[in-house]
Structures are given as structure tokens and as C-alpha cells.
Amino acid sequence: MATQKDLDFTYTTIDKIFRLSVGETGDYSGAMYDGDFSLSLEEAQRRKHAFIADSLRIGKGTKVLDMGCGWGPFLSYIKNHRGADGRGVTLSKGQAAACCQNGLQVEVMDARKIGPEHYGQFDAITCIGGMEHFCSVEEWQAGKQDQVYADFFQNLSRLLPVGGRFYMQTMVFSKNMIDFKDISLQADKHSDSYALALMIAQFPGSWLPYGAEQVIRNAQPHFKLISKSSGRLDYIETIGQWRKRFRAFNLEKYGLYLSLLPRLLTNKAFRDLIAVFRVSPNRVCFERETMDHFRLVFEKV
């Protein structure tokens, strides 16, 4: 799994830049357009939040855990629009601090290690993009990926009563995924090989599931699938909107960009991360269908 150091490298590094671009509780996961690309990014994110809350039957007083909560956009939504009692966890210190400053109940903690002894059970749980970080390249190479997911769902089942629901959305490898040995940062800059290598550099310690099927298979001993839908095209549009926001001029934001220059010149890993501001590897992978994106709703049996 991606470590706290890995997640801090990705998220804490760009914390302030992200919030200046997308807002204090900006959502760094795929929005929900459902084909209506006339919606603004904010409208599409609210549509996603409403879909999740409806799917999990979240209302006033519902106790909700948001695993990998990011900057708290879903927690903010259910607090302000559903009257729910939400709690979040993240491995990014920057994200946790920002959430707490905005009145959300968030701690730095590994979502996979939460048990009933920590916070009791929940009525509903979300994991919006978290599973993308649960398995490392090394664990996949050692043949442990299925076990990583099976262990996660087994522990998750302890946190929900029978009939309790779990929502997750995750990027997955898709039909045009290439062999691991062909993935390289030295490859042609327009190739699938380079795009996938850049994605790995952007999210160190992380390896994706192979299709929604791998996730569903490992959930089955404890959960039944309620709904499944692809958000690949929605994510392509979301990334396009993000890129406009990141590039929009803001004096403080561009000052922060300049402050990164010393690291850019001296740290190769950081240069690989910042390369995503030039080209979005995720968007390329979605467009070429080396990756897909799924929204999954489960119910504990």
C-alpha cells in the first residue's frame, strides 16, 4: 500500500495549490456528468455527492465514515445538505489540517486499519478513490493483490451492520493495459508506456485493480453488489476542467509555483510529479482505455 510518506508526496505537496485552484474543499476525484457536459465542474461534483448519499441512504443523523476523504468535499456535503454525522481519515497531513480548519472531523489514519474499537460501527462508508492506493507495485508483483483487497473487505465488514452500504469509486486497469515491463519514463512521450510510468510516478506505492471485476470478486464473501457504472468519460471531462483551474492566474498560486523551482531543479522524483501539470497521464490512459473508472455500491450481507 502507498505509505503516509507516499501520500504526502502526492497530496501535501500540492495542497495549497489545489485549494487555490479548486476551492477549500475541492474534490480531487471524478465528477458525475452522466453525459451532460454542459454542467459546471461544481454542479457535476454535487451530482456525484447526491448520488452517493442517495445510494447509501444517508440522512439526518446517519453515521458516515469517509475513507481517504481528501480535502473533505463529501463530508462537507453530507454535513450541510443531509445533516449526517461524518468522520474522515486520510494519510495526507496537509489534507487533514485543511479539513480540520474547515470544521470537519478528520484524522491522519490508515483506513485499512480502522476497527470497531476505534469509532464503533457506521451506517454507511465511502471510499472515493482510496482503493487506488491500497496495493503497491511490489505487492502486485508478489501475487498479493487479491489478498490485499480481500483483507480490506473483511475488515470493512466489521464496520457495518448487515444491510449497511459501502460506496467506492476507483480507477482500474482496462482492456488496453500493457505489460509492466514495457512501462518506462524513458519511453516516447506520446506512448502508453510513458503515460503509465508518469501515473506511477504521480502516485508512488500504488497499483490499480484489474477491472471492476477484481474488486467485486474480493468483496463477495461479505458484500453484494447493488450498482456499477463506468465514470471514464466523466473523468476525462473532470480532468480537463481541473487543468483549466490549475492554469488560471492567481498571484498567491503562481508564487507557490515559483517556490517549487529549487525542488524542481534538484529532485528528479519531484520533476516527475510536476510533469502532470504539463500532461495528465490519467486522462491519456482513460482516453486510450488502458484505464477505466468505476462507481460501485455494495451492501453487507
C-alpha atoms as a PDB file:
ATOM      1  CA  MET A   1       0.000   0.000   0.000  1.00  0.00           C
ATOM      2  CA  ALA A   2       1.049   3.605  -0.508  1.00  0.00           C
ATOM      3  CA  THR A   3       2.644   4.822   2.728  1.00  0.00           C
ATOM      4  CA  GLN A   4       1.971   8.081   4.548  1.00  0.00           C
ATOM      5  CA  LYS A   5       5.217   9.376   3.011  1.00  0.00           C
ATOM      6  CA  ASP A   6       3.976   8.394  -0.467  1.00  0.00           C
ATOM      7  CA  LEU A   7       0.606  10.088   0.001  1.00  0.00           C
ATOM      8  CA  ASP A   8       2.178  13.192   1.497  1.00  0.00           C
ATOM      9  CA  PHE A   9       4.496  13.357  -1.523  1.00  0.00           C
ATOM     10  CA  THR A  10       1.493  13.497  -3.843  1.00  0.00           C
ATOM     11  CA  TYR A  11      -1.138  15.402  -1.882  1.00  0.00           C
ATOM     12  CA  THR A  12       0.548  17.559   0.752  1.00  0.00           C
ATOM     13  CA  THR A  13       2.969  18.886  -1.860  1.00  0.00           C
ATOM     14  CA  ILE A  14       0.162  20.371  -3.937  1.00  0.00           C
ATOM     15  CA  ASP A  15      -2.224  21.029  -1.037  1.00  0.00           C
ATOM     16  CA  LYS A  16      -2.290  24.829  -1.129  1.00  0.00           C
ATOM     17  CA  ILE A  17      -2.051  24.991  -4.934  1.00  0.00           C
ATOM     18  CA  PHE A  18      -5.021  22.674  -5.220  1.00  0.00           C
ATOM     19  CA  ARG A  19      -7.184  24.614  -2.786  1.00  0.00           C
ATOM     20  CA  LEU A  20      -6.365  27.913  -4.508  1.00  0.00           C
ATOM     21  CA  SER A  21      -7.383  26.324  -7.819  1.00  0.00           C
ATOM     22  CA  VAL A  22     -10.495  24.339  -6.924  1.00  0.00           C
ATOM     23  CA  GLY A  23     -11.620  25.633  -3.541  1.00  0.00           C
ATOM     24  CA  GLU A  24     -11.097  24.881   0.141  1.00  0.00           C
ATOM     25  CA  THR A  25     -12.999  21.587  -0.005  1.00  0.00           C
ATOM     26  CA  GLY A  26     -12.271  20.932  -3.669  1.00  0.00           C
ATOM     27  CA  ASP A  27     -12.982  17.425  -4.885  1.00  0.00           C
ATOM     28  CA  TYR A  28      -9.958  15.607  -6.321  1.00  0.00           C
ATOM     29  CA  SER A  29     -11.942  12.689  -7.757  1.00  0.00           C
ATOM     30  CA  GLY A  30     -14.027  12.180 -10.879  1.00  0.00           C
ATOM     31  CA  ALA A  31     -17.245  14.190 -11.094  1.00  0.00           C
ATOM     32  CA  MET A  32     -20.587  12.849 -12.369  1.00  0.00           C
ATOM     33  CA  TYR A  33     -21.790  14.410 -15.621  1.00  0.00           C
ATOM     34  CA  ASP A  34     -23.696  11.388 -16.963  1.00  0.00           C
ATOM     35  CA  GLY A  35     -23.273  12.723 -20.488  1.00  0.00           C
ATOM     36  CA  ASP A  36     -24.356  16.290 -19.709  1.00  0.00           C
ATOM     37  CA  PHE A  37     -21.086  18.156 -20.214  1.00  0.00           C
ATOM     38  CA  SER A  38     -22.882  21.496 -20.107  1.00  0.00           C
ATOM     39  CA  LEU A  39     -22.738  21.192 -16.310  1.00  0.00           C
ATOM     40  CA  SER A  40     -20.095  23.150 -14.446  1.00  0.00           C
ATOM     41  CA  LEU A  41     -17.485  21.172 -12.524  1.00  0.00           C
ATOM     42  CA  GLU A  42     -19.135  22.181  -9.252  1.00  0.00           C
ATOM     43  CA  GLU A  43     -22.575  21.027 -10.460  1.00  0.00           C
ATOM     44  CA  ALA A  44     -21.167  17.688 -11.594  1.00  0.00           C
ATOM     45  CA  GLN A  45     -19.422  17.170  -8.260  1.00  0.00           C
ATOM     46  CA  ARG A  46     -22.640  17.978  -6.374  1.00  0.00           C
ATOM     47  CA  ARG A  47     -24.481  15.493  -8.604  1.00  0.00           C
ATOM     48  CA  LYS A  48     -21.923  12.857  -7.610  1.00  0.00           C
ATOM     49  CA  HIS A  49     -22.258  13.670  -3.916  1.00  0.00           C
ATOM     50  CA  ALA A  50     -26.053  13.472  -4.125  1.00  0.00           C
ATOM     51  CA  PHE A  51     -25.817  10.145  -5.975  1.00  0.00           C
ATOM     52  CA  ILE A  52     -23.557   8.697  -3.289  1.00  0.00           C
ATOM     53  CA  ALA A  53     -25.698   9.979  -0.427  1.00  0.00           C
ATOM     54  CA  ASP A  54     -28.880   8.625  -2.055  1.00  0.00           C
ATOM     55  CA  SER A  55     -27.238   5.258  -2.821  1.00  0.00           C
ATOM     56  CA  LEU A  56     -26.117   4.916   0.806  1.00  0.00           C
ATOM     57  CA  ARG A  57     -29.422   6.229   2.191  1.00  0.00           C
ATOM     58  CA  ILE A  58     -27.667   8.999   4.096  1.00  0.00           C
ATOM     59  CA  GLY A  59     -29.944  11.339   6.035  1.00  0.00           C
ATOM     60  CA  LYS A  60     -30.087  13.303   9.260  1.00  0.00           C
ATOM     61  CA  GLY A  61     -28.032  11.631  11.980  1.00  0.00           C
ATOM     62  CA  THR A  62     -26.582   8.945   9.707  1.00  0.00           C
ATOM     63  CA  LYS A  63     -23.124   7.951  10.951  1.00  0.00           C
ATOM     64  CA  VAL A  64     -20.742   8.007   7.969  1.00  0.00           C
ATOM     65  CA  LEU A  65     -17.053   7.175   7.556  1.00  0.00           C
ATOM     66  CA  ASP A  66     -15.237   8.649   4.547  1.00  0.00           C
ATOM     67  CA  MET A  67     -12.036   6.668   3.894  1.00  0.00           C
ATOM     68  CA  GLY A  68      -9.371   8.699   2.119  1.00  0.00           C
ATOM     69  CA  CYS A  69     -11.520  11.811   2.476  1.00  0.00           C
ATOM     70  CA  GLY A  70      -9.184  14.201   0.648  1.00  0.00           C
ATOM     71  CA  TRP A  71      -9.986  17.834   1.359  1.00  0.00           C
ATOM     72  CA  GLY A  72     -13.416  16.842   2.682  1.00  0.00           C
ATOM     73  CA  PRO A  73     -15.840  17.657  -0.155  1.00  0.00           C
ATOM     74  CA  PHE A  74     -18.186  14.737   0.550  1.00  0.00           C
ATOM     75  CA  LEU A  75     -18.023  15.247   4.316  1.00  0.00           C
ATOM     76  CA  SER A  76     -18.914  18.885   3.765  1.00  0.00           C
ATOM     77  CA  TYR A  77     -21.837  17.926   1.513  1.00  0.00           C
ATOM     78  CA  ILE A  78     -23.422  15.421   3.913  1.00  0.00           C
ATOM     79  CA  LYS A  79     -22.910  17.767   6.871  1.00  0.00           C
ATOM     80  CA  ASN A  80     -24.525  20.764   5.176  1.00  0.00           C
ATOM     81  CA  HIS A  81     -27.150  19.090   2.965  1.00  0.00           C
ATOM     82  CA  ARG A  82     -28.050  15.826   4.735  1.00  0.00           C
ATOM     83  CA  GLY A  83     -27.425  16.577   8.416  1.00  0.00           C
ATOM     84  CA  ALA A  84     -25.254  13.486   8.709  1.00  0.00           C
ATOM     85  CA  ASP A  85     -22.572  12.757  11.303  1.00  0.00           C
ATOM     86  CA  GLY A  86     -19.466  12.365   9.158  1.00  0.00           C
ATOM     87  CA  ARG A  87     -15.916  11.408  10.044  1.00  0.00           C
ATOM     88  CA  GLY A  88     -12.965  11.196   7.665  1.00  0.00           C
ATOM     89  CA  VAL A  89      -9.487   9.715   7.581  1.00  0.00           C
ATOM     90  CA  THR A  90      -6.569  10.434   5.251  1.00  0.00           C
ATOM     91  CA  LEU A  91      -2.845   9.696   5.136  1.00  0.00           C
ATOM     92  CA  SER A  92      -2.057  13.243   3.998  1.00  0.00           C
ATOM     93  CA  LYS A  93      -1.200  15.629   6.824  1.00  0.00           C
ATOM     94  CA  GLY A  94      -1.893  18.594   4.554  1.00  0.00           C
ATOM     95  CA  GLN A  95      -5.378  17.355   3.714  1.00  0.00           C
ATOM     96  CA  ALA A  96      -6.218  16.566   7.343  1.00  0.00           C
ATOM     97  CA  ALA A  97      -5.122  20.004   8.519  1.00  0.00           C
ATOM     98  CA  ALA A  98      -7.163  21.726   5.808  1.00  0.00           C
ATOM     99  CA  CYS A  99     -10.258  19.662   6.701  1.00  0.00           C
ATOM    100  CA  CYS A 100      -9.983  20.481  10.403  1.00  0.00           C
ATOM    101  CA  GLN A 101      -9.567  24.189   9.620  1.00  0.00           C
ATOM    102  CA  ASN A 102     -12.845  23.964   7.718  1.00  0.00           C
ATOM    103  CA  GLY A 103     -14.760  22.429  10.627  1.00  0.00           C
ATOM    104  CA  LEU A 104     -14.651  18.785   9.540  1.00  0.00           C
ATOM    105  CA  GLN A 105     -13.837  15.824  11.774  1.00  0.00           C
ATOM    106  CA  VAL A 106     -10.779  14.292  10.106  1.00  0.00           C
ATOM    107  CA  GLU A 107      -7.712  12.431  11.372  1.00  0.00           C
ATOM    108  CA  VAL A 108      -4.491  11.131   9.833  1.00  0.00           C
ATOM    109  CA  MET A 109      -5.021   7.374   9.846  1.00  0.00           C
ATOM    110  CA  ASP A 110      -4.705   4.297   7.645  1.00  0.00           C
ATOM    111  CA  ALA A 111      -8.256   3.468   6.554  1.00  0.00           C
ATOM    112  CA  ARG A 112      -7.425  -0.234   6.260  1.00  0.00           C
ATOM    113  CA  LYS A 113      -6.611  -0.442   9.975  1.00  0.00           C
ATOM    114  CA  ILE A 114      -9.806   1.066  11.369  1.00  0.00           C
ATOM    115  CA  GLY A 115     -11.824  -1.328  13.504  1.00  0.00           C
ATOM    116  CA  PRO A 116     -14.996  -1.036  15.611  1.00  0.00           C
ATOM    117  CA  GLU A 117     -12.753  -0.461  18.603  1.00  0.00           C
ATOM    118  CA  HIS A 118     -11.811   2.950  17.182  1.00  0.00           C
ATOM    119  CA  TYR A 119     -15.146   4.587  16.375  1.00  0.00           C
ATOM    120  CA  GLY A 120     -17.741   1.820  16.624  1.00  0.00           C
ATOM    121  CA  GLN A 121     -19.804   0.832  13.593  1.00  0.00           C
ATOM    122  CA  PHE A 122     -21.108   3.120  10.874  1.00  0.00           C
ATOM    123  CA  ASP A 123     -24.379   3.258   8.962  1.00  0.00           C
ATOM    124  CA  ALA A 124     -22.559   3.949   5.698  1.00  0.00           C
ATOM    125  CA  ILE A 125     -18.965   4.112   4.470  1.00  0.00           C
ATOM    126  CA  THR A 126     -17.387   5.693   1.409  1.00  0.00           C
ATOM    127  CA  CYS A 127     -14.003   5.248  -0.213  1.00  0.00           C
ATOM    128  CA  ILE A 128     -13.758   7.686  -3.111  1.00  0.00           C
ATOM    129  CA  GLY A 129     -10.506   6.874  -4.864  1.00  0.00           C
ATOM    130  CA  GLY A 130      -8.833   5.225  -1.878  1.00  0.00           C
ATOM    131  CA  MET A 131      -8.551   1.706  -3.273  1.00  0.00           C
ATOM    132  CA  GLU A 132      -6.213   3.023  -5.963  1.00  0.00           C
ATOM    133  CA  HIS A 133      -3.575   3.268  -3.204  1.00  0.00           C
ATOM    134  CA  PHE A 134      -4.233   0.005  -1.334  1.00  0.00           C
ATOM    135  CA  CYS A 135      -1.934  -2.262  -3.341  1.00  0.00           C
ATOM    136  CA  SER A 136       1.685  -1.439  -4.178  1.00  0.00           C
ATOM    137  CA  VAL A 137       3.575  -2.492  -7.291  1.00  0.00           C
ATOM    138  CA  GLU A 138       5.664  -4.806  -5.110  1.00  0.00           C
ATOM    139  CA  GLU A 139       2.578  -6.484  -3.603  1.00  0.00           C
ATOM    140  CA  TRP A 140       1.139  -6.998  -7.080  1.00  0.00           C
ATOM    141  CA  GLN A 141       4.429  -8.472  -8.304  1.00  0.00           C
ATOM    142  CA  ALA A 142       4.406 -10.857  -5.329  1.00  0.00           C
ATOM    143  CA  GLY A 143       0.904 -12.061  -6.258  1.00  0.00           C
ATOM    144  CA  LYS A 144      -0.719 -10.483  -3.188  1.00  0.00           C
ATOM    145  CA  GLN A 145      -3.185  -8.083  -4.842  1.00  0.00           C
ATOM    146  CA  ASP A 146      -6.291 -10.238  -4.354  1.00  0.00           C
ATOM    147  CA  GLN A 147      -5.364 -10.833  -0.729  1.00  0.00           C
ATOM    148  CA  VAL A 148      -4.911  -7.087  -0.132  1.00  0.00           C
ATOM    149  CA  TYR A 149      -8.454  -6.442  -1.363  1.00  0.00           C
ATOM    150  CA  ALA A 150      -9.945  -9.488   0.372  1.00  0.00           C
ATOM    151  CA  ASP A 151      -8.433  -8.380   3.686  1.00  0.00           C
ATOM    152  CA  PHE A 152      -9.796  -4.868   3.167  1.00  0.00           C
ATOM    153  CA  PHE A 153     -13.362  -6.071   2.592  1.00  0.00           C
ATOM    154  CA  GLN A 154     -13.165  -8.478   5.509  1.00  0.00           C
ATOM    155  CA  ASN A 155     -12.169  -5.656   7.840  1.00  0.00           C
ATOM    156  CA  LEU A 156     -14.712  -3.308   6.239  1.00  0.00           C
ATOM    157  CA  SER A 157     -17.486  -5.774   7.041  1.00  0.00           C
ATOM    158  CA  ARG A 158     -16.707  -5.340  10.757  1.00  0.00           C
ATOM    159  CA  LEU A 159     -17.538  -1.639  10.478  1.00  0.00           C
ATOM    160  CA  LEU A 160     -21.043  -2.051   9.043  1.00  0.00           C
ATOM    161  CA  PRO A 161     -24.205  -3.809  10.248  1.00  0.00           C
ATOM    162  CA  VAL A 162     -25.992  -6.229   7.949  1.00  0.00           C
ATOM    163  CA  GLY A 163     -27.685  -4.069   5.309  1.00  0.00           C
ATOM    164  CA  GLY A 164     -25.166  -1.255   5.767  1.00  0.00           C
ATOM    165  CA  ARG A 165     -23.881   0.153   2.497  1.00  0.00           C
ATOM    166  CA  PHE A 166     -20.462   0.986   1.107  1.00  0.00           C
ATOM    167  CA  TYR A 167     -19.695   3.208  -1.877  1.00  0.00           C
ATOM    168  CA  MET A 168     -16.417   3.246  -3.686  1.00  0.00           C
ATOM    169  CA  GLN A 169     -15.105   4.647  -6.923  1.00  0.00           C
ATOM    170  CA  THR A 170     -11.767   3.675  -8.291  1.00  0.00           C
ATOM    171  CA  MET A 171      -9.572   3.808 -11.335  1.00  0.00           C
ATOM    172  CA  VAL A 172      -8.814   0.351 -12.739  1.00  0.00           C
ATOM    173  CA  PHE A 173      -6.660  -1.052 -15.490  1.00  0.00           C
ATOM    174  CA  SER A 174      -8.712  -1.713 -18.612  1.00  0.00           C
ATOM    175  CA  LYS A 175      -8.722  -3.693 -21.856  1.00  0.00           C
ATOM    176  CA  ASN A 176      -5.709  -1.968 -23.441  1.00  0.00           C
ATOM    177  CA  MET A 177      -3.384  -2.262 -20.438  1.00  0.00           C
ATOM    178  CA  ILE A 178       0.194  -3.068 -21.491  1.00  0.00           C
ATOM    179  CA  ASP A 179       2.795  -5.377 -19.908  1.00  0.00           C
ATOM    180  CA  PHE A 180       4.510  -3.971 -16.842  1.00  0.00           C
ATOM    181  CA  LYS A 181       7.951  -4.484 -18.394  1.00  0.00           C
ATOM    182  CA  ASP A 182       7.017  -2.023 -21.162  1.00  0.00           C
ATOM    183  CA  ILE A 183       6.237   0.845 -18.753  1.00  0.00           C
ATOM    184  CA  SER A 184       9.073   3.396 -18.738  1.00  0.00           C
ATOM    185  CA  LEU A 185       9.725   7.098 -18.180  1.00  0.00           C
ATOM    186  CA  GLN A 186      12.346   6.792 -20.935  1.00  0.00           C
ATOM    187  CA  ALA A 187       9.706   5.795 -23.495  1.00  0.00           C
ATOM    188  CA  ASP A 188       8.334   8.085 -26.205  1.00  0.00           C
ATOM    189  CA  LYS A 189       6.446  10.949 -24.530  1.00  0.00           C
ATOM    190  CA  HIS A 190       3.319  10.170 -26.583  1.00  0.00           C
ATOM    191  CA  SER A 191       3.239   6.455 -25.768  1.00  0.00           C
ATOM    192  CA  ASP A 192       1.081   4.409 -23.403  1.00  0.00           C
ATOM    193  CA  SER A 193       4.328   3.274 -21.805  1.00  0.00           C
ATOM    194  CA  TYR A 194       5.256   6.833 -20.792  1.00  0.00           C
ATOM    195  CA  ALA A 195       1.731   7.804 -19.650  1.00  0.00           C
ATOM    196  CA  LEU A 196       1.522   4.797 -17.331  1.00  0.00           C
ATOM    197  CA  ALA A 197       5.045   5.421 -15.999  1.00  0.00           C
ATOM    198  CA  LEU A 198       4.115   9.034 -15.246  1.00  0.00           C
ATOM    199  CA  MET A 199       0.988   7.869 -13.448  1.00  0.00           C
ATOM    200  CA  ILE A 200       3.093   5.566 -11.247  1.00  0.00           C
ATOM    201  CA  ALA A 201       5.464   8.478 -10.517  1.00  0.00           C
ATOM    202  CA  GLN A 202       2.482  10.673  -9.594  1.00  0.00           C
ATOM    203  CA  PHE A 203       1.107   8.048  -7.177  1.00  0.00           C
ATOM    204  CA  PRO A 204       4.104   6.180  -5.710  1.00  0.00           C
ATOM    205  CA  GLY A 205       3.334   2.960  -3.866  1.00  0.00           C
ATOM    206  CA  SER A 206       0.093   2.453  -5.788  1.00  0.00           C
ATOM    207  CA  TRP A 207      -1.078  -0.176  -8.288  1.00  0.00           C
ATOM    208  CA  LEU A 208      -4.633  -0.341  -9.652  1.00  0.00           C
ATOM    209  CA  PRO A 209      -7.138  -3.210  -9.664  1.00  0.00           C
ATOM    210  CA  TYR A 210      -7.543  -5.118 -12.919  1.00  0.00           C
ATOM    211  CA  GLY A 211     -11.089  -4.107 -13.790  1.00  0.00           C
ATOM    212  CA  ALA A 212     -14.109  -3.701 -11.542  1.00  0.00           C
ATOM    213  CA  GLU A 213     -14.382  -7.492 -11.607  1.00  0.00           C
ATOM    214  CA  GLN A 214     -11.354  -7.939  -9.353  1.00  0.00           C
ATOM    215  CA  VAL A 215     -12.857  -5.597  -6.762  1.00  0.00           C
ATOM    216  CA  ILE A 216     -16.306  -7.224  -6.900  1.00  0.00           C
ATOM    217  CA  ARG A 217     -14.850 -10.744  -6.651  1.00  0.00           C
ATOM    218  CA  ASN A 218     -12.961  -9.921  -3.475  1.00  0.00           C
ATOM    219  CA  ALA A 219     -15.957  -8.175  -1.912  1.00  0.00           C
ATOM    220  CA  GLN A 220     -18.348 -11.105  -2.480  1.00  0.00           C
ATOM    221  CA  PRO A 221     -17.819 -13.071   0.743  1.00  0.00           C
ATOM    222  CA  HIS A 222     -19.156 -10.124   2.721  1.00  0.00           C
ATOM    223  CA  PHE A 223     -20.996  -7.824   0.299  1.00  0.00           C
ATOM    224  CA  LYS A 224     -23.452  -7.969  -2.576  1.00  0.00           C
ATOM    225  CA  LEU A 225     -23.178  -5.531  -5.476  1.00  0.00           C
ATOM    226  CA  ILE A 226     -26.057  -3.042  -5.682  1.00  0.00           C
ATOM    227  CA  SER A 227     -24.937  -0.983  -8.677  1.00  0.00           C
ATOM    228  CA  LYS A 228     -21.973  -0.499 -11.029  1.00  0.00           C
ATOM    229  CA  SER A 229     -21.322   2.240 -13.581  1.00  0.00           C
ATOM    230  CA  SER A 230     -18.339   3.498 -15.541  1.00  0.00           C
ATOM    231  CA  GLY A 231     -17.220   7.073 -14.993  1.00  0.00           C
ATOM    232  CA  ARG A 232     -14.421   7.013 -17.588  1.00  0.00           C
ATOM    233  CA  LEU A 233     -15.847   9.713 -19.864  1.00  0.00           C
ATOM    234  CA  ASP A 234     -16.865  11.791 -16.850  1.00  0.00           C
ATOM    235  CA  TYR A 235     -13.325  11.609 -15.518  1.00  0.00           C
ATOM    236  CA  ILE A 236     -11.871  12.769 -18.839  1.00  0.00           C
ATOM    237  CA  GLU A 237     -14.076  15.878 -18.629  1.00  0.00           C
ATOM    238  CA  THR A 238     -13.244  16.374 -14.933  1.00  0.00           C
ATOM    239  CA  ILE A 239      -9.514  16.363 -15.635  1.00  0.00           C
ATOM    240  CA  GLY A 240      -9.982  18.892 -18.433  1.00  0.00           C
ATOM    241  CA  GLN A 241     -11.783  21.220 -16.036  1.00  0.00           C
ATOM    242  CA  TRP A 242      -9.125  20.775 -13.358  1.00  0.00           C
ATOM    243  CA  ARG A 243      -6.377  21.707 -15.782  1.00  0.00           C
ATOM    244  CA  LYS A 244      -8.124  24.970 -16.599  1.00  0.00           C
ATOM    245  CA  ARG A 245      -8.336  25.769 -12.892  1.00  0.00           C
ATOM    246  CA  PHE A 246      -4.696  24.928 -12.207  1.00  0.00           C
ATOM    247  CA  ARG A 247      -3.559  27.220 -15.015  1.00  0.00           C
ATOM    248  CA  ALA A 248      -5.854  30.150 -14.173  1.00  0.00           C
ATOM    249  CA  PHE A 249      -3.817  33.049 -12.811  1.00  0.00           C
ATOM    250  CA  ASN A 250      -3.774  33.735  -9.109  1.00  0.00           C
ATOM    251  CA  LEU A 251      -0.888  35.728  -7.619  1.00  0.00           C
ATOM    252  CA  GLU A 252      -0.512  33.580  -4.498  1.00  0.00           C
ATOM    253  CA  LYS A 253      -0.788  30.348  -6.508  1.00  0.00           C
ATOM    254  CA  TYR A 254       1.831  31.382  -9.044  1.00  0.00           C
ATOM    255  CA  GLY A 255       4.073  32.443  -6.183  1.00  0.00           C
ATOM    256  CA  LEU A 256       3.787  28.900  -4.864  1.00  0.00           C
ATOM    257  CA  TYR A 257       4.643  27.535  -8.300  1.00  0.00           C
ATOM    258  CA  LEU A 258       7.822  29.632  -8.227  1.00  0.00           C
ATOM    259  CA  SER A 259       8.662  28.400  -4.727  1.00  0.00           C
ATOM    260  CA  LEU A 260       8.807  24.850  -6.092  1.00  0.00           C
ATOM    261  CA  LEU A 261      11.584  25.746  -8.530  1.00  0.00           C
ATOM    262  CA  PRO A 262      14.511  24.668  -6.287  1.00  0.00           C
ATOM    263  CA  ARG A 263      12.952  21.241  -5.777  1.00  0.00           C
ATOM    264  CA  LEU A 264      12.215  21.041  -9.472  1.00  0.00           C
ATOM    265  CA  LEU A 265      15.897  21.549 -10.258  1.00  0.00           C
ATOM    266  CA  THR A 266      17.299  19.170  -7.636  1.00  0.00           C
ATOM    267  CA  ASN A 267      14.745  16.384  -7.162  1.00  0.00           C
ATOM    268  CA  LYS A 268      14.012  14.037 -10.071  1.00  0.00           C
ATOM    269  CA  ALA A 269      11.037  12.410  -8.323  1.00  0.00           C
ATOM    270  CA  PHE A 270       9.537  15.849  -7.842  1.00  0.00           C
ATOM    271  CA  ARG A 271      10.106  16.671 -11.529  1.00  0.00           C
ATOM    272  CA  ASP A 272       8.168  13.519 -12.416  1.00  0.00           C
ATOM    273  CA  LEU A 273       5.294  14.650 -10.173  1.00  0.00           C
ATOM    274  CA  ILE A 274       5.225  18.186 -11.585  1.00  0.00           C
ATOM    275  CA  ALA A 275       5.199  16.778 -15.133  1.00  0.00           C
ATOM    276  CA  VAL A 276       1.487  16.073 -14.595  1.00  0.00           C
ATOM    277  CA  PHE A 277       0.862  19.823 -14.850  1.00  0.00           C
ATOM    278  CA  ARG A 278       2.096  19.581 -18.451  1.00  0.00           C
ATOM    279  CA  VAL A 279       0.285  16.391 -19.435  1.00  0.00           C
ATOM    280  CA  SER A 280      -2.300  14.418 -17.465  1.00  0.00           C
ATOM    281  CA  PRO A 281      -1.285  10.738 -17.551  1.00  0.00           C
ATOM    282  CA  ASN A 282      -4.653   9.691 -16.144  1.00  0.00           C
ATOM    283  CA  ARG A 283      -6.527  11.483 -18.905  1.00  0.00           C
ATOM    284  CA  VAL A 284      -4.340   9.867 -21.581  1.00  0.00           C
ATOM    285  CA  CYS A 285      -4.895   6.442 -20.022  1.00  0.00           C
ATOM    286  CA  PHE A 286      -8.663   6.974 -19.880  1.00  0.00           C
ATOM    287  CA  GLU A 287      -8.775   8.154 -23.484  1.00  0.00           C
ATOM    288  CA  ARG A 288      -6.765   5.167 -24.700  1.00  0.00           C
ATOM    289  CA  GLU A 289      -8.621   2.742 -22.400  1.00  0.00           C
ATOM    290  CA  THR A 290      -5.552   1.449 -20.678  1.00  0.00           C
ATOM    291  CA  MET A 291      -7.581   2.552 -17.652  1.00  0.00           C
ATOM    292  CA  ASP A 292     -11.257   2.790 -16.736  1.00  0.00           C
ATOM    293  CA  HIS A 293     -13.099   4.228 -13.753  1.00  0.00           C
ATOM    294  CA  PHE A 294     -15.996   2.649 -11.860  1.00  0.00           C
ATOM    295  CA  ARG A 295     -18.580   3.641  -9.263  1.00  0.00           C
ATOM    296  CA  LEU A 296     -19.614   0.679  -7.125  1.00  0.00           C
ATOM    297  CA  VAL A 297     -22.294   0.414  -4.437  1.00  0.00           C
ATOM    298  CA  PHE A 298     -22.169  -2.593  -2.075  1.00  0.00           C
ATOM    299  CA  GLU A 299     -24.412  -3.821   0.725  1.00  0.00           C
ATOM    300  CA  LYS A 300     -23.258  -6.007   3.607  1.00  0.00           C
ATOM    301  CA  VAL A 301     -24.862  -9.458   3.632  1.00  0.00           C
END
